[in-house]
Amino acid sequence: MDGGNLIDGTGGTDRTGRIDGIGDTRRALGAFLRARRGRVTPEQVGLPGGRRRRVRGLRREELAQLAGISVDYYVRLEQGRATQPSPEVLDALAGALGLDAAERGHLDTLTAGRHGPAPRTRVSPLLRRILDSMAHLPAFVTNHRTDVVAWNELGAELIGGLGGPGRRERNQARYLFLDPASSRAVFPDWEDRAVEAVGQLRVATGRYPEDRELAALLAELSAHSCEFRRIWATGEIVMCTAGRKRLRHPTAGLLLTLDYETLHIPAAPGETGLVLHVFGAGEDGRAGADGA
């Protein structure tokens, strides 16, 4: 656990370190817009910069001008007083802020007025059989809170012995931020993994604003990790996809480079449900290894 200076409210945490907007998608929308506005420099959008600017990134009036909406309306959006912006307004804001498809989708989620509890996902017998059938591929399953809820033997071994009596923390975000010594050893590209975890949690908060367990997890991370607060303040949005990751085998000590794929198992239409993470060797059939 670590200390450090708390981030101000422009990034989605207030001066006490609490996450802004949890349980309130209107405030979450404002926090997200402020965070993304702070990442766009005037020079990036053809506006004059200067050294005497008192704000990080774009001013509210500058973003409103770029999006073609009134300053008053944009201020009401950031303050949570304008609750149903049109798709055209959201498209204009996304264009002015340079948002990608996942970030644009997050805007839709925050303005959809979602209510109700998070889905009660479960690991079905069929999913467990699928995991067991992947005897030669490390695999594990997470929920929207980044809890590791199921795994096969190689999956447990690859990311740190999930099944033993001295098992490590099974929540990926809590493991990354509250056990940094261990998690940085397993994940040499720790920053990338941390950004992924925060981005996934931000998506989950928009979809499930009434999830008390998720809110409690975010409060815990915010209270005890300045690294979490720093990354949350960027407004990152990350969807699990596919690619390549480096992991250090916790027992053998080998640094492995593995391809990975994520398969989404929806709990219901529009719900995130569970995510199956599968790792394997590259196209040449070999997993890159480095004993360093």
Protein backbone atom coordinates (compact mmCIF):
# COMPACT_ATOMS: atom_id res chain seq x y z
CA MET A 1 0.00 0.00 0.00
CA ASP A 2 1.22 3.49 -0.73
CA GLY A 3 0.55 7.09 0.00
CA GLY A 4 1.28 10.22 -1.98
CA ASN A 5 -0.60 13.32 -2.98
CA LEU A 6 -4.25 12.95 -3.87
CA ILE A 7 -5.45 14.00 -7.28
CA ASP A 8 -7.87 16.90 -7.55
CA GLY A 9 -11.42 16.57 -8.80
CA THR A 10 -10.57 17.24 -12.45
CA GLY A 11 -9.49 13.66 -12.90
CA GLY A 12 -12.38 11.78 -11.34
CA THR A 13 -11.24 11.70 -7.69
CA ASP A 14 -11.92 14.41 -5.15
CA ARG A 15 -9.43 15.82 -2.64
CA THR A 16 -10.17 13.02 -0.19
CA GLY A 17 -9.25 10.45 -2.84
CA ARG A 18 -12.83 9.24 -3.35
CA ILE A 19 -13.88 8.23 -6.84
CA ASP A 20 -16.24 10.75 -8.42
CA GLY A 21 -19.50 9.50 -9.90
CA ILE A 22 -19.70 5.98 -8.50
CA GLY A 23 -23.40 5.16 -8.33
CA ASP A 24 -24.25 8.34 -10.25
CA THR A 25 -23.74 8.14 -14.00
CA ARG A 26 -24.40 11.87 -14.42
CA ARG A 27 -21.41 12.74 -12.27
CA ALA A 28 -19.43 9.93 -13.89
CA LEU A 29 -20.10 11.48 -17.30
CA GLY A 30 -18.79 14.83 -16.08
CA ALA A 31 -15.70 13.23 -14.55
CA PHE A 32 -14.99 11.33 -17.77
CA LEU A 33 -15.36 14.43 -19.93
CA ARG A 34 -13.08 16.44 -17.64
CA ALA A 35 -10.44 13.72 -17.68
CA ARG A 36 -10.47 13.43 -21.46
CA ARG A 37 -10.57 17.20 -21.93
CA GLY A 38 -7.44 17.43 -19.82
CA ARG A 39 -5.58 15.12 -22.20
CA VAL A 40 -6.10 17.16 -25.36
CA THR A 41 -3.69 20.05 -25.87
CA PRO A 42 -4.78 23.15 -27.80
CA GLU A 43 -2.02 22.54 -30.33
CA GLN A 44 -3.46 19.09 -31.12
CA VAL A 45 -6.69 20.66 -32.35
CA GLY A 46 -5.23 23.75 -34.02
CA LEU A 47 -5.81 26.22 -31.20
CA PRO A 48 -3.19 28.60 -29.77
CA GLY A 49 -1.55 27.32 -26.60
CA GLY A 50 0.60 29.70 -24.61
CA ARG A 51 2.42 29.49 -21.32
CA ARG A 52 -0.12 31.26 -19.11
CA ARG A 53 -2.89 28.70 -19.37
CA ARG A 54 -4.32 27.83 -15.95
CA VAL A 55 -5.95 24.57 -17.00
CA ARG A 56 -4.51 21.29 -18.22
CA GLY A 57 -5.68 20.49 -21.72
CA LEU A 58 -8.63 22.25 -23.30
CA ARG A 59 -10.80 24.86 -21.63
CA ARG A 60 -14.51 24.16 -21.46
CA GLU A 61 -15.28 26.91 -23.96
CA GLU A 62 -12.68 25.55 -26.36
CA LEU A 63 -14.15 22.06 -26.31
CA ALA A 64 -17.68 23.45 -26.69
CA GLN A 65 -16.54 25.45 -29.72
CA LEU A 66 -14.89 22.41 -31.31
CA ALA A 67 -18.02 20.31 -30.73
CA GLY A 68 -20.37 23.03 -32.00
CA ILE A 69 -22.42 23.28 -28.81
CA SER A 70 -22.99 26.14 -26.40
CA VAL A 71 -20.62 26.65 -23.50
CA ASP A 72 -23.56 26.69 -21.08
CA TYR A 73 -24.80 23.32 -22.33
CA TYR A 74 -21.34 21.78 -22.08
CA VAL A 75 -20.92 23.11 -18.53
CA ARG A 76 -24.25 21.52 -17.61
CA LEU A 77 -23.00 18.21 -19.04
CA GLU A 78 -19.87 18.31 -16.89
CA GLN A 79 -21.91 19.24 -13.84
CA GLY A 80 -24.41 16.42 -14.37
CA ARG A 81 -27.31 18.78 -15.01
CA ALA A 82 -27.83 17.83 -18.69
CA THR A 83 -28.71 14.16 -18.58
CA GLN A 84 -29.79 13.15 -22.09
CA PRO A 85 -27.45 14.53 -24.75
CA SER A 86 -28.36 13.51 -28.28
CA PRO A 87 -26.26 11.03 -30.28
CA GLU A 88 -25.22 13.96 -32.45
CA VAL A 89 -23.85 15.84 -29.44
CA LEU A 90 -22.02 12.76 -28.23
CA ASP A 91 -20.56 12.20 -31.70
CA ALA A 92 -19.39 15.82 -31.78
CA LEU A 93 -17.77 15.56 -28.35
CA ALA A 94 -16.14 12.26 -29.25
CA GLY A 95 -14.72 13.78 -32.41
CA ALA A 96 -13.40 16.86 -30.62
CA LEU A 97 -11.79 14.71 -27.91
CA GLY A 98 -10.41 12.13 -30.34
CA LEU A 99 -12.21 9.23 -28.65
CA ASP A 100 -11.92 5.72 -30.05
CA ALA A 101 -14.84 3.32 -30.49
CA ALA A 102 -14.64 1.92 -26.95
CA GLU A 103 -14.53 5.40 -25.42
CA ARG A 104 -17.43 6.54 -27.60
CA GLY A 105 -19.39 3.50 -26.45
CA HIS A 106 -18.69 4.45 -22.86
CA LEU A 107 -20.35 7.83 -23.46
CA ASP A 108 -23.47 5.98 -24.64
CA THR A 109 -23.40 3.82 -21.51
CA LEU A 110 -23.12 6.81 -19.19
CA THR A 111 -26.05 8.58 -20.83
CA ALA A 112 -28.34 5.54 -21.07
CA GLY A 113 -29.67 5.92 -17.51
CA ARG A 114 -28.91 2.34 -16.52
CA HIS A 115 -30.32 1.04 -13.24
CA GLY A 116 -30.49 -2.24 -11.44
CA PRO A 117 -27.97 -4.64 -9.96
CA ALA A 118 -25.02 -6.18 -11.76
CA PRO A 119 -25.65 -9.57 -13.37
CA ARG A 120 -25.22 -12.58 -11.10
CA THR A 121 -22.80 -14.43 -13.32
CA ARG A 122 -21.84 -18.01 -12.58
CA VAL A 123 -19.29 -20.43 -13.96
CA SER A 124 -21.38 -23.08 -15.65
CA PRO A 125 -20.40 -26.76 -15.71
CA LEU A 126 -19.86 -26.44 -19.47
CA LEU A 127 -17.44 -23.54 -18.99
CA ARG A 128 -15.51 -25.58 -16.44
CA ARG A 129 -15.30 -28.47 -18.91
CA ILE A 130 -14.02 -26.07 -21.57
CA LEU A 131 -11.31 -24.86 -19.20
CA ASP A 132 -10.30 -28.41 -18.31
CA SER A 133 -10.19 -29.39 -21.98
CA MET A 134 -7.54 -26.72 -22.59
CA ALA A 135 -4.94 -28.84 -20.86
CA HIS A 136 -2.08 -27.38 -22.89
CA LEU A 137 -3.20 -23.73 -22.80
CA PRO A 138 -3.16 -21.49 -19.72
CA ALA A 139 -6.65 -20.06 -19.25
CA PHE A 140 -8.69 -18.30 -16.59
CA VAL A 141 -12.01 -16.47 -16.29
CA THR A 142 -12.74 -13.04 -14.81
CA ASN A 143 -15.92 -11.12 -14.06
CA HIS A 144 -16.60 -7.39 -14.53
CA ARG A 145 -14.92 -6.61 -11.18
CA THR A 146 -11.71 -8.35 -12.39
CA ASP A 147 -12.23 -11.22 -9.93
CA VAL A 148 -10.60 -14.43 -11.18
CA VAL A 149 -13.52 -16.83 -10.78
CA ALA A 150 -12.27 -19.95 -12.59
CA TRP A 151 -9.06 -21.31 -14.09
CA ASN A 152 -7.32 -24.40 -15.33
CA GLU A 153 -4.11 -25.78 -13.89
CA LEU A 154 -1.78 -23.99 -16.29
CA GLY A 155 -3.69 -20.73 -15.88
CA ALA A 156 -3.32 -20.84 -12.11
CA GLU A 157 0.37 -21.62 -12.45
CA LEU A 158 1.03 -18.90 -15.02
CA ILE A 159 -0.37 -15.99 -13.05
CA GLY A 160 0.74 -16.98 -9.61
CA GLY A 161 -0.72 -20.08 -7.97
CA LEU A 162 -4.40 -19.25 -7.55
CA GLY A 163 -5.41 -22.59 -6.08
CA GLY A 164 -2.93 -23.22 -3.26
CA PRO A 165 -3.42 -22.50 0.45
CA GLY A 166 -1.05 -19.52 0.22
CA ARG A 167 -2.71 -18.28 -2.93
CA ARG A 168 -2.27 -14.74 -4.05
CA GLU A 169 -5.11 -12.19 -4.29
CA ARG A 170 -7.72 -13.40 -6.77
CA ASN A 171 -8.93 -9.95 -7.79
CA GLN A 172 -6.67 -8.76 -10.59
CA ALA A 173 -6.98 -5.05 -9.81
CA ARG A 174 -6.42 -5.54 -6.08
CA TYR A 175 -3.41 -7.76 -6.84
CA LEU A 176 -1.88 -5.18 -9.19
CA PHE A 177 -2.31 -2.14 -6.97
CA LEU A 178 -2.18 -3.49 -3.43
CA ASP A 179 0.50 -6.14 -3.92
CA PRO A 180 2.83 -4.23 -6.25
CA ALA A 181 6.02 -6.13 -5.37
CA SER A 182 4.54 -9.47 -6.41
CA SER A 183 2.49 -8.20 -9.35
CA ARG A 184 5.38 -6.23 -10.84
CA ALA A 185 7.49 -9.39 -10.72
CA VAL A 186 4.84 -11.40 -12.59
CA PHE A 187 3.94 -8.60 -15.02
CA PRO A 188 7.09 -6.80 -16.25
CA ASP A 189 4.87 -4.48 -18.30
CA TRP A 190 3.05 -3.56 -15.11
CA GLU A 191 1.87 -0.14 -16.29
CA ASP A 192 0.10 -1.63 -19.30
CA ARG A 193 -1.61 -4.26 -17.16
CA ALA A 194 -2.62 -1.63 -14.58
CA VAL A 195 -4.11 0.63 -17.26
CA GLU A 196 -6.07 -2.34 -18.62
CA ALA A 197 -7.50 -3.15 -15.19
CA VAL A 198 -8.52 0.45 -14.48
CA GLY A 199 -10.03 0.83 -17.94
CA GLN A 200 -12.12 -2.31 -17.47
CA LEU A 201 -13.31 -1.16 -14.05
CA ARG A 202 -14.35 2.20 -15.48
CA VAL A 203 -16.44 0.43 -18.13
CA ALA A 204 -18.02 -1.68 -15.39
CA THR A 205 -18.94 1.36 -13.28
CA GLY A 206 -20.82 2.85 -16.21
CA ARG A 207 -22.71 -0.36 -16.88
CA TYR A 208 -23.43 -1.24 -13.24
CA PRO A 209 -23.65 2.01 -11.23
CA GLU A 210 -25.53 0.27 -8.40
CA ASP A 211 -22.99 -2.52 -7.88
CA ARG A 212 -22.03 -2.08 -4.23
CA GLU A 213 -19.21 -4.63 -4.36
CA LEU A 214 -17.66 -2.79 -7.29
CA ALA A 215 -18.01 0.55 -5.52
CA ALA A 216 -16.35 -0.90 -2.42
CA LEU A 217 -13.45 -2.24 -4.50
CA LEU A 218 -12.89 1.15 -6.14
CA ALA A 219 -13.03 2.92 -2.78
CA GLU A 220 -10.44 0.50 -1.38
CA LEU A 221 -8.10 0.95 -4.33
CA SER A 222 -8.50 4.72 -4.28
CA ALA A 223 -7.81 4.90 -0.55
CA HIS A 224 -4.64 2.81 -0.64
CA SER A 225 -3.00 3.27 -4.03
CA CYS A 226 -1.83 6.56 -5.50
CA GLU A 227 -0.97 4.62 -8.67
CA PHE A 228 -4.63 3.66 -9.01
CA ARG A 229 -5.72 7.26 -8.49
CA ARG A 230 -3.19 8.46 -11.06
CA ILE A 231 -4.39 6.05 -13.74
CA TRP A 232 -8.08 6.53 -12.93
CA ALA A 233 -7.61 10.27 -13.43
CA THR A 234 -6.69 9.74 -17.08
CA GLY A 235 -10.18 8.50 -17.95
CA GLU A 236 -8.83 5.42 -19.73
CA ILE A 237 -11.33 2.99 -21.26
CA VAL A 238 -10.09 -0.50 -22.14
CA MET A 239 -11.96 -3.43 -23.58
CA CYS A 240 -10.46 -6.92 -23.38
CA THR A 241 -9.38 -7.97 -26.87
CA ALA A 242 -6.33 -9.90 -28.09
CA GLY A 243 -2.62 -9.35 -28.44
CA ARG A 244 0.66 -10.29 -26.81
CA LYS A 245 1.74 -10.09 -23.18
CA ARG A 246 4.90 -10.69 -21.21
CA LEU A 247 4.60 -12.64 -17.96
CA ARG A 248 7.30 -13.92 -15.64
CA HIS A 249 6.58 -17.47 -14.56
CA PRO A 250 6.26 -17.19 -10.74
CA THR A 251 7.96 -20.55 -10.10
CA ALA A 252 10.45 -21.05 -12.94
CA GLY A 253 11.34 -17.37 -13.14
CA LEU A 254 11.27 -17.40 -16.96
CA LEU A 255 10.06 -14.30 -18.75
CA LEU A 256 7.49 -15.55 -21.29
CA THR A 257 6.06 -13.73 -24.28
CA LEU A 258 2.63 -15.19 -25.07
CA ASP A 259 -0.19 -14.44 -27.44
CA TYR A 260 -3.58 -14.10 -25.78
CA GLU A 261 -7.23 -14.00 -26.76
CA THR A 262 -10.22 -12.90 -24.70
CA LEU A 263 -13.63 -14.46 -25.26
CA HIS A 264 -16.69 -12.69 -23.86
CA ILE A 265 -19.45 -14.77 -22.31
CA PRO A 266 -22.50 -12.51 -21.91
CA ALA A 267 -24.75 -13.01 -18.92
CA ALA A 268 -27.63 -11.42 -20.86
CA PRO A 269 -27.95 -9.16 -23.92
CA GLY A 270 -25.96 -5.99 -23.25
CA GLU A 271 -24.25 -7.38 -20.16
CA THR A 272 -20.55 -8.08 -19.86
CA GLY A 273 -20.88 -11.37 -18.01
CA LEU A 274 -17.62 -13.28 -17.85
CA VAL A 275 -14.39 -13.06 -19.85
CA LEU A 276 -12.31 -16.11 -20.74
CA HIS A 277 -8.59 -15.30 -21.11
CA VAL A 278 -6.56 -17.85 -23.09
CA PHE A 279 -2.78 -17.77 -23.57
CA GLY A 280 -0.69 -19.64 -26.09
CA ALA A 281 2.53 -19.71 -28.05
CA GLY A 282 3.02 -17.50 -31.08
CA GLU A 283 2.31 -18.46 -34.67
CA ASP A 284 5.63 -20.29 -34.86
CA GLY A 285 4.39 -22.58 -32.09
CA ARG A 286 6.94 -21.30 -29.58
CA ALA A 287 6.58 -19.12 -26.52
CA GLY A 288 9.34 -16.60 -26.28
CA ALA A 289 11.33 -17.11 -23.06
CA ASP A 290 14.04 -15.11 -21.39
CA GLY A 291 15.60 -16.18 -18.13
CA ALA A 292 16.50 -12.59 -17.22
